[in-house]
PDB file of N, CA and C in Angstrom:
ATOM      1  N   MET A   1       8.778  13.169   3.812  1.00  0.00           N
ATOM      2  CA  MET A   1       7.444  13.498   3.394  1.00  0.00           C
ATOM      3  C   MET A   1       6.981  14.780   4.075  1.00  0.00           C
ATOM      4  N   LYS A   2       7.401  14.941   5.315  1.00  0.00           N
ATOM      5  CA  LYS A   2       7.027  16.172   6.015  1.00  0.00           C
ATOM      6  C   LYS A   2       7.563  17.396   5.286  1.00  0.00           C
ATOM      7  N   HIS A   3       8.769  17.290   4.736  1.00  0.00           N
ATOM      8  CA  HIS A   3       9.379  18.414   4.024  1.00  0.00           C
ATOM      9  C   HIS A   3       8.581  18.791   2.779  1.00  0.00           C
ATOM     10  N   ALA A   4       7.845  17.818   2.238  1.00  0.00           N
ATOM     11  CA  ALA A   4       7.018  18.072   1.056  1.00  0.00           C
ATOM     12  C   ALA A   4       5.611  18.512   1.441  1.00  0.00           C
ATOM     13  N   GLY A   5       5.359  18.617   2.744  1.00  0.00           N
ATOM     14  CA  GLY A   5       4.038  19.023   3.204  1.00  0.00           C
ATOM     15  C   GLY A   5       3.017  17.906   3.193  1.00  0.00           C
ATOM     16  N   LEU A   6       3.494  16.670   3.161  1.00  0.00           N
ATOM     17  CA  LEU A   6       2.605  15.512   3.132  1.00  0.00           C
ATOM     18  C   LEU A   6       2.604  14.830   4.490  1.00  0.00           C
ATOM     19  N   SER A   7       1.473  14.230   4.818  1.00  0.00           N
ATOM     20  CA  SER A   7       1.397  13.495   6.077  1.00  0.00           C
ATOM     21  C   SER A   7       2.207  12.206   5.965  1.00  0.00           C
ATOM     22  N   VAL A   8       2.704  11.754   7.093  1.00  0.00           N
ATOM     23  CA  VAL A   8       3.534  10.549   7.132  1.00  0.00           C
ATOM     24  C   VAL A   8       2.632   9.365   7.472  1.00  0.00           C
ATOM     25  N   ASP A   9       1.810   8.998   6.505  1.00  0.00           N
ATOM     26  CA  ASP A   9       0.871   7.893   6.655  1.00  0.00           C
ATOM     27  C   ASP A   9       0.420   7.464   5.263  1.00  0.00           C
ATOM     28  N   ALA A  10      -0.537   6.542   5.208  1.00  0.00           N
ATOM     29  CA  ALA A  10      -1.001   6.037   3.913  1.00  0.00           C
ATOM     30  C   ALA A  10      -1.576   7.150   3.046  1.00  0.00           C
ATOM     31  N   ALA A  11      -2.273   8.098   3.651  1.00  0.00           N
ATOM     32  CA  ALA A  11      -2.834   9.210   2.876  1.00  0.00           C
ATOM     33  C   ALA A  11      -1.725  10.051   2.254  1.00  0.00           C
ATOM     34  N   GLY A  12      -0.637  10.248   2.977  1.00  0.00           N
ATOM     35  CA  GLY A  12       0.497  10.993   2.443  1.00  0.00           C
ATOM     36  C   GLY A  12       1.155  10.267   1.286  1.00  0.00           C
ATOM     37  N   ILE A  13       1.284   8.952   1.414  1.00  0.00           N
ATOM     38  CA  ILE A  13       1.852   8.150   0.327  1.00  0.00           C
ATOM     39  C   ILE A  13       0.954   8.243  -0.900  1.00  0.00           C
ATOM     40  N   ALA A  14      -0.356   8.120  -0.683  1.00  0.00           N
ATOM     41  CA  ALA A  14      -1.304   8.224  -1.793  1.00  0.00           C
ATOM     42  C   ALA A  14      -1.197   9.585  -2.469  1.00  0.00           C
ATOM     43  N   ALA A  15      -1.055  10.631  -1.689  1.00  0.00           N
ATOM     44  CA  ALA A  15      -0.929  11.976  -2.257  1.00  0.00           C
ATOM     45  C   ALA A  15       0.369  12.119  -3.049  1.00  0.00           C
ATOM     46  N   ALA A  16       1.443  11.545  -2.541  1.00  0.00           N
ATOM     47  CA  ALA A  16       2.738  11.640  -3.222  1.00  0.00           C
ATOM     48  C   ALA A  16       2.717  10.929  -4.574  1.00  0.00           C
ATOM     49  N   TYR A  17       1.955   9.845  -4.662  1.00  0.00           N
ATOM     50  CA  TYR A  17       1.913   9.055  -5.888  1.00  0.00           C
ATOM     51  C   TYR A  17       0.614   9.238  -6.663  1.00  0.00           C
ATOM     52  N   GLU A  18      -0.138  10.286  -6.349  1.00  0.00           N
ATOM     53  CA  GLU A  18      -1.412  10.541  -7.020  1.00  0.00           C
ATOM     54  C   GLU A  18      -1.218  10.564  -8.537  1.00  0.00           C
ATOM     55  N   GLY A  19      -2.090   9.828  -9.214  1.00  0.00           N
ATOM     56  CA  GLY A  19      -2.009   9.744 -10.666  1.00  0.00           C
ATOM     57  C   GLY A  19      -1.064   8.672 -11.178  1.00  0.00           C
ATOM     58  N   LEU A  20      -0.286   8.082 -10.289  1.00  0.00           N
ATOM     59  CA  LEU A  20       0.679   7.058 -10.693  1.00  0.00           C
ATOM     60  C   LEU A  20       0.303   5.661 -10.230  1.00  0.00           C
ATOM     61  N   ILE A  21      -0.456   5.569  -9.139  1.00  0.00           N
ATOM     62  CA  ILE A  21      -0.797   4.257  -8.586  1.00  0.00           C
ATOM     63  C   ILE A  21      -2.310   4.071  -8.554  1.00  0.00           C
ATOM     64  N   ASP A  22      -2.725   2.816  -8.636  1.00  0.00           N
ATOM     65  CA  ASP A  22      -4.139   2.460  -8.545  1.00  0.00           C
ATOM     66  C   ASP A  22      -4.453   1.738  -7.250  1.00  0.00           C
ATOM     67  N   GLY A  23      -3.427   1.280  -6.553  1.00  0.00           N
ATOM     68  CA  GLY A  23      -3.629   0.531  -5.327  1.00  0.00           C
ATOM     69  C   GLY A  23      -2.518   0.785  -4.336  1.00  0.00           C
ATOM     70  N   LEU A  24      -2.794   0.417  -3.088  1.00  0.00           N
ATOM     71  CA  LEU A  24      -1.837   0.629  -2.007  1.00  0.00           C
ATOM     72  C   LEU A  24      -2.003  -0.487  -0.990  1.00  0.00           C
ATOM     73  N   ILE A  25      -0.899  -1.023  -0.518  1.00  0.00           N
ATOM     74  CA  ILE A  25      -0.924  -2.013   0.557  1.00  0.00           C
ATOM     75  C   ILE A  25      -0.537  -1.297   1.834  1.00  0.00           C
ATOM     76  N   THR A  26      -1.359  -1.445   2.845  1.00  0.00           N
ATOM     77  CA  THR A  26      -1.106  -0.795   4.126  1.00  0.00           C
ATOM     78  C   THR A  26      -1.426  -1.762   5.253  1.00  0.00           C
ATOM     79  N   ASP A  27      -0.767  -1.581   6.381  1.00  0.00           N
ATOM     80  CA  ASP A  27      -1.016  -2.486   7.504  1.00  0.00           C
ATOM     81  C   ASP A  27      -2.122  -1.984   8.424  1.00  0.00           C
ATOM     82  N   GLU A  28      -2.719  -0.846   8.089  1.00  0.00           N
ATOM     83  CA  GLU A  28      -3.842  -0.322   8.868  1.00  0.00           C
ATOM     84  C   GLU A  28      -4.989  -0.002   7.926  1.00  0.00           C
ATOM     85  N   PRO A  29      -6.220  -0.314   8.324  1.00  0.00           N
ATOM     86  CA  PRO A  29      -7.366  -0.014   7.458  1.00  0.00           C
ATOM     87  C   PRO A  29      -7.516   1.491   7.238  1.00  0.00           C
ATOM     88  N   VAL A  30      -7.595   1.880   5.985  1.00  0.00           N
ATOM     89  CA  VAL A  30      -7.828   3.276   5.615  1.00  0.00           C
ATOM     90  C   VAL A  30      -8.691   3.295   4.360  1.00  0.00           C
ATOM     91  N   ALA A  31      -9.408   4.369   4.180  1.00  0.00           N
ATOM     92  CA  ALA A  31     -10.176   4.567   2.954  1.00  0.00           C
ATOM     93  C   ALA A  31      -9.554   5.747   2.225  1.00  0.00           C
ATOM     94  N   ILE A  32      -9.110   5.507   1.009  1.00  0.00           N
ATOM     95  CA  ILE A  32      -8.506   6.560   0.201  1.00  0.00           C
ATOM     96  C   ILE A  32      -9.232   6.572  -1.136  1.00  0.00           C
ATOM     97  N   GLU A  33      -9.914   7.661  -1.401  1.00  0.00           N
ATOM     98  CA  GLU A  33     -10.717   7.767  -2.613  1.00  0.00           C
ATOM     99  C   GLU A  33      -9.856   7.560  -3.852  1.00  0.00           C
ATOM    100  N   GLY A  34     -10.362   6.707  -4.735  1.00  0.00           N
ATOM    101  CA  GLY A  34      -9.675   6.459  -5.992  1.00  0.00           C
ATOM    102  C   GLY A  34      -8.623   5.369  -5.956  1.00  0.00           C
ATOM    103  N   LEU A  35      -8.377   4.798  -4.782  1.00  0.00           N
ATOM    104  CA  LEU A  35      -7.381   3.729  -4.667  1.00  0.00           C
ATOM    105  C   LEU A  35      -8.009   2.467  -4.107  1.00  0.00           C
ATOM    106  N   LYS A  36      -7.563   1.345  -4.619  1.00  0.00           N
ATOM    107  CA  LYS A  36      -7.911   0.052  -4.039  1.00  0.00           C
ATOM    108  C   LYS A  36      -6.897  -0.200  -2.934  1.00  0.00           C
ATOM    109  N   VAL A  37      -7.367  -0.215  -1.694  1.00  0.00           N
ATOM    110  CA  VAL A  37      -6.480  -0.402  -0.547  1.00  0.00           C
ATOM    111  C   VAL A  37      -6.553  -1.855  -0.090  1.00  0.00           C
ATOM    112  N   THR A  38      -5.407  -2.486   0.027  1.00  0.00           N
ATOM    113  CA  THR A  38      -5.294  -3.841   0.548  1.00  0.00           C
ATOM    114  C   THR A  38      -4.660  -3.750   1.926  1.00  0.00           C
ATOM    115  N   VAL A  39      -5.348  -4.305   2.919  1.00  0.00           N
ATOM    116  CA  VAL A  39      -4.820  -4.296   4.284  1.00  0.00           C
ATOM    117  C   VAL A  39      -4.127  -5.633   4.528  1.00  0.00           C
ATOM    118  N   ALA A  40      -2.843  -5.565   4.817  1.00  0.00           N
ATOM    119  CA  ALA A  40      -2.049  -6.764   5.069  1.00  0.00           C
ATOM    120  C   ALA A  40      -0.800  -6.361   5.844  1.00  0.00           C
ATOM    121  N   SER A  41      -0.241  -7.314   6.532  1.00  0.00           N
ATOM    122  CA  SER A  41       1.006  -7.046   7.245  1.00  0.00           C
ATOM    123  C   SER A  41       2.089  -6.664   6.241  1.00  0.00           C
ATOM    124  N   THR A  42       2.864  -5.646   6.574  1.00  0.00           N
ATOM    125  CA  THR A  42       3.964  -5.224   5.704  1.00  0.00           C
ATOM    126  C   THR A  42       5.327  -5.447   6.362  1.00  0.00           C
ATOM    127  N   LEU A  43       5.329  -6.032   7.545  1.00  0.00           N
ATOM    128  CA  LEU A  43       6.569  -6.294   8.272  1.00  0.00           C
ATOM    129  C   LEU A  43       7.310  -7.454   7.606  1.00  0.00           C
ATOM    130  N   MET A  44       8.569  -7.233   7.247  1.00  0.00           N
ATOM    131  CA  MET A  44       9.373  -8.256   6.580  1.00  0.00           C
ATOM    132  C   MET A  44      10.615  -8.538   7.413  1.00  0.00           C
ATOM    133  N   ASP A  45      10.417  -9.262   8.511  1.00  0.00           N
ATOM    134  CA  ASP A  45      11.526  -9.525   9.424  1.00  0.00           C
ATOM    135  C   ASP A  45      12.022 -10.967   9.387  1.00  0.00           C
ATOM    136  N   SER A  46      11.537 -11.734   8.426  1.00  0.00           N
ATOM    137  CA  SER A  46      11.987 -13.112   8.277  1.00  0.00           C
ATOM    138  C   SER A  46      11.725 -13.544   6.839  1.00  0.00           C
ATOM    139  N   PRO A  47      12.358 -14.619   6.396  1.00  0.00           N
ATOM    140  CA  PRO A  47      12.078 -15.102   5.043  1.00  0.00           C
ATOM    141  C   PRO A  47      10.595 -15.427   4.845  1.00  0.00           C
ATOM    142  N   GLN A  48       9.974 -16.011   5.853  1.00  0.00           N
ATOM    143  CA  GLN A  48       8.554 -16.353   5.746  1.00  0.00           C
ATOM    144  C   GLN A  48       7.696 -15.093   5.617  1.00  0.00           C
ATOM    145  N   SER A  49       7.969 -14.083   6.417  1.00  0.00           N
ATOM    146  CA  SER A  49       7.159 -12.864   6.339  1.00  0.00           C
ATOM    147  C   SER A  49       7.387 -12.145   5.008  1.00  0.00           C
ATOM    148  N   ARG A  50       8.582 -12.231   4.450  1.00  0.00           N
ATOM    149  CA  ARG A  50       8.839 -11.630   3.136  1.00  0.00           C
ATOM    150  C   ARG A  50       8.030 -12.340   2.055  1.00  0.00           C
ATOM    151  N   ARG A  51       7.931 -13.664   2.154  1.00  0.00           N
ATOM    152  CA  ARG A  51       7.118 -14.414   1.194  1.00  0.00           C
ATOM    153  C   ARG A  51       5.652 -14.024   1.316  1.00  0.00           C
ATOM    154  N   ILE A  52       5.172 -13.849   2.534  1.00  0.00           N
ATOM    155  CA  ILE A  52       3.776 -13.463   2.747  1.00  0.00           C
ATOM    156  C   ILE A  52       3.504 -12.088   2.147  1.00  0.00           C
ATOM    157  N   VAL A  53       4.404 -11.144   2.375  1.00  0.00           N
ATOM    158  CA  VAL A  53       4.233  -9.803   1.798  1.00  0.00           C
ATOM    159  C   VAL A  53       4.239  -9.896   0.272  1.00  0.00           C
ATOM    160  N   ALA A  54       5.133 -10.686  -0.288  1.00  0.00           N
ATOM    161  CA  ALA A  54       5.190 -10.843  -1.746  1.00  0.00           C
ATOM    162  C   ALA A  54       3.897 -11.441  -2.279  1.00  0.00           C
ATOM    163  N   ARG A  55       3.381 -12.465  -1.620  1.00  0.00           N
ATOM    164  CA  ARG A  55       2.114 -13.071  -2.054  1.00  0.00           C
ATOM    165  C   ARG A  55       0.976 -12.062  -1.981  1.00  0.00           C
ATOM    166  N   ASN A  56       0.935 -11.299  -0.899  1.00  0.00           N
ATOM    167  CA  ASN A  56      -0.115 -10.289  -0.759  1.00  0.00           C
ATOM    168  C   ASN A  56       0.005  -9.213  -1.834  1.00  0.00           C
ATOM    169  N   ALA A  57       1.222  -8.825  -2.162  1.00  0.00           N
ATOM    170  CA  ALA A  57       1.430  -7.819  -3.210  1.00  0.00           C
ATOM    171  C   ALA A  57       0.975  -8.350  -4.568  1.00  0.00           C
ATOM    172  N   LEU A  58       1.298  -9.600  -4.859  1.00  0.00           N
ATOM    173  CA  LEU A  58       0.857 -10.191  -6.122  1.00  0.00           C
ATOM    174  C   LEU A  58      -0.658 -10.317  -6.176  1.00  0.00           C
ATOM    175  N   ALA A  59      -1.275 -10.702  -5.064  1.00  0.00           N
ATOM    176  CA  ALA A  59      -2.738 -10.802  -5.019  1.00  0.00           C
ATOM    177  C   ALA A  59      -3.381  -9.428  -5.196  1.00  0.00           C
ATOM    178  N   ALA A  60      -2.801  -8.407  -4.589  1.00  0.00           N
ATOM    179  CA  ALA A  60      -3.332  -7.048  -4.729  1.00  0.00           C
ATOM    180  C   ALA A  60      -3.200  -6.583  -6.176  1.00  0.00           C
ATOM    181  N   ALA A  61      -2.072  -6.867  -6.810  1.00  0.00           N
ATOM    182  CA  ALA A  61      -1.882  -6.493  -8.214  1.00  0.00           C
ATOM    183  C   ALA A  61      -2.871  -7.233  -9.101  1.00  0.00           C
ATOM    184  N   ASP A  62      -3.098  -8.505  -8.809  1.00  0.00           N
ATOM    185  CA  ASP A  62      -4.058  -9.293  -9.578  1.00  0.00           C
ATOM    186  C   ASP A  62      -5.460  -8.710  -9.434  1.00  0.00           C
ATOM    187  N   ALA A  63      -5.827  -8.291  -8.232  1.00  0.00           N
ATOM    188  CA  ALA A  63      -7.153  -7.706  -8.001  1.00  0.00           C
ATOM    189  C   ALA A  63      -7.320  -6.404  -8.785  1.00  0.00           C
ATOM    190  N   LEU A  64      -6.245  -5.662  -8.980  1.00  0.00           N
ATOM    191  CA  LEU A  64      -6.328  -4.420  -9.752  1.00  0.00           C
ATOM    192  C   LEU A  64      -6.585  -4.686 -11.227  1.00  0.00           C
ATOM    193  N   SER A  65      -6.157  -5.844 -11.700  1.00  0.00           N
ATOM    194  CA  SER A  65      -6.296  -6.146 -13.123  1.00  0.00           C
ATOM    195  C   SER A  65      -7.688  -6.651 -13.485  1.00  0.00           C
ATOM    196  N   LEU A  66      -8.526  -6.891 -12.498  1.00  0.00           N
ATOM    197  CA  LEU A  66      -9.883  -7.404 -12.769  1.00  0.00           C
ATOM    198  C   LEU A  66     -10.820  -6.312 -13.179  1.00  0.00           C
TER     199      LEU A  66
END
């Protein structure tokens, strides 16, 4: 991302996908204009944590459809 001139954080990800995404899941609270940001753990170091991330992703996608 640095090579593209983007910051290595949620804002950089949002900039890289501008116009393509409506929401972003991040593990730190951030405000990004035009995006619905969901704050949730993104660490997937066990089967249980992977299920939690998947549930949070589905809930975030569902919230975008409202």
